[in-house]
Structures are given as structure tokens and as C-alpha cells.
Amino acid sequence: MNRKPLIWLLLALVLAAYALSILLSSPGQSPWSMISGIIIGAASLVMVWKYSREIRNNRPS
């Protein structure tokens, strides 16, 4: 099994956990923390998309 898709999934999970910790830690913080949490969450979604694309491309024909 190719390990590259697993790296994308692991990165997505780490980024999602970090985004959630930013967004849930202190709701009364500056807008920059909310914006950075949203950007990191979007990056996590991109990593999930890359993971699914790699899985599709590595499927045996």
C-alpha cells in the first residue's frame, strides 16, 4: 500500500484538531484567531480532498 494517502489523511486530522482547538478555546478572542481557525479548517478540507483523490488514483484497475 502506498503511504502517501495516509500522510494526507494524518495531516488533515492534525489540522482539523488544531482548527477546532483555536475556534473552541476562547470565543471572545480577536477576530484574527477566528479567521486563522477558519483558514486552517479549510486547509484541512483540502487535505481530505487530496486524500480521496490519491485513494482514487491508487486503486488497481
Protein backbone atom coordinates (compact mmCIF):
# COMPACT_ATOMS: atom_id res chain seq x y z
CA MET A 1 0.00 0.00 0.00
CA ASN A 2 1.23 3.45 -0.88
CA ARG A 3 1.75 5.55 2.24
CA LYS A 4 1.27 8.93 0.60
CA PRO A 5 -2.55 8.94 1.00
CA LEU A 6 -2.17 8.16 4.70
CA ILE A 7 0.07 11.19 5.11
CA TRP A 8 -2.65 13.41 3.62
CA LEU A 9 -5.21 11.92 6.00
CA LEU A 10 -2.95 12.36 9.02
CA LEU A 11 -2.23 15.96 8.06
CA ALA A 12 -5.96 16.62 7.61
CA LEU A 13 -6.73 15.22 11.06
CA VAL A 14 -3.98 17.26 12.72
CA LEU A 15 -5.10 20.46 11.00
CA ALA A 16 -8.74 19.83 11.89
CA ALA A 17 -7.87 19.26 15.54
CA TYR A 18 -5.79 22.43 15.60
CA ALA A 19 -8.56 24.46 13.95
CA LEU A 20 -11.10 23.17 16.46
CA SER A 21 -8.84 23.99 19.37
CA ILE A 22 -8.40 27.54 18.06
CA LEU A 23 -12.11 28.06 17.49
CA LEU A 24 -13.27 26.50 20.77
CA SER A 25 -10.55 27.71 23.13
CA SER A 26 -11.65 31.31 23.66
CA PRO A 27 -14.70 32.58 21.82
CA GLY A 28 -14.05 36.16 22.94
CA GLN A 29 -10.62 36.48 21.32
CA SER A 30 -9.68 38.75 18.46
CA PRO A 31 -11.15 38.20 15.01
CA TRP A 32 -7.72 37.09 13.77
CA SER A 33 -7.90 33.88 15.78
CA MET A 34 -11.31 33.13 14.29
CA ILE A 35 -10.04 33.87 10.78
CA SER A 36 -6.97 31.67 11.27
CA GLY A 37 -9.15 28.84 12.62
CA ILE A 38 -11.37 29.06 9.55
CA ILE A 39 -8.37 29.10 7.19
CA ILE A 40 -6.81 26.10 8.92
CA GLY A 41 -10.17 24.30 8.77
CA ALA A 42 -10.36 24.99 5.04
CA ALA A 43 -6.82 23.65 4.63
CA SER A 44 -7.94 20.50 6.44
CA LEU A 45 -10.76 20.07 3.94
CA VAL A 46 -8.26 20.43 1.09
CA MET A 47 -6.13 17.68 2.64
CA VAL A 48 -9.19 15.39 2.85
CA TRP A 49 -9.85 16.11 -0.83
CA LYS A 50 -6.23 15.26 -1.69
CA TYR A 51 -6.51 12.06 0.34
CA SER A 52 -9.63 10.95 -1.54
CA ARG A 53 -8.01 11.84 -4.87
CA GLU A 54 -4.90 9.80 -4.03
CA ILE A 55 -7.04 6.83 -2.99
CA ARG A 56 -8.95 7.03 -6.30
CA ASN A 57 -5.70 7.25 -8.30
CA ASN A 58 -4.04 4.32 -6.47
CA ARG A 59 -6.94 1.91 -6.98
CA PRO A 60 -5.92 -1.08 -9.09
CA SER A 61 -7.62 -1.19 -12.46
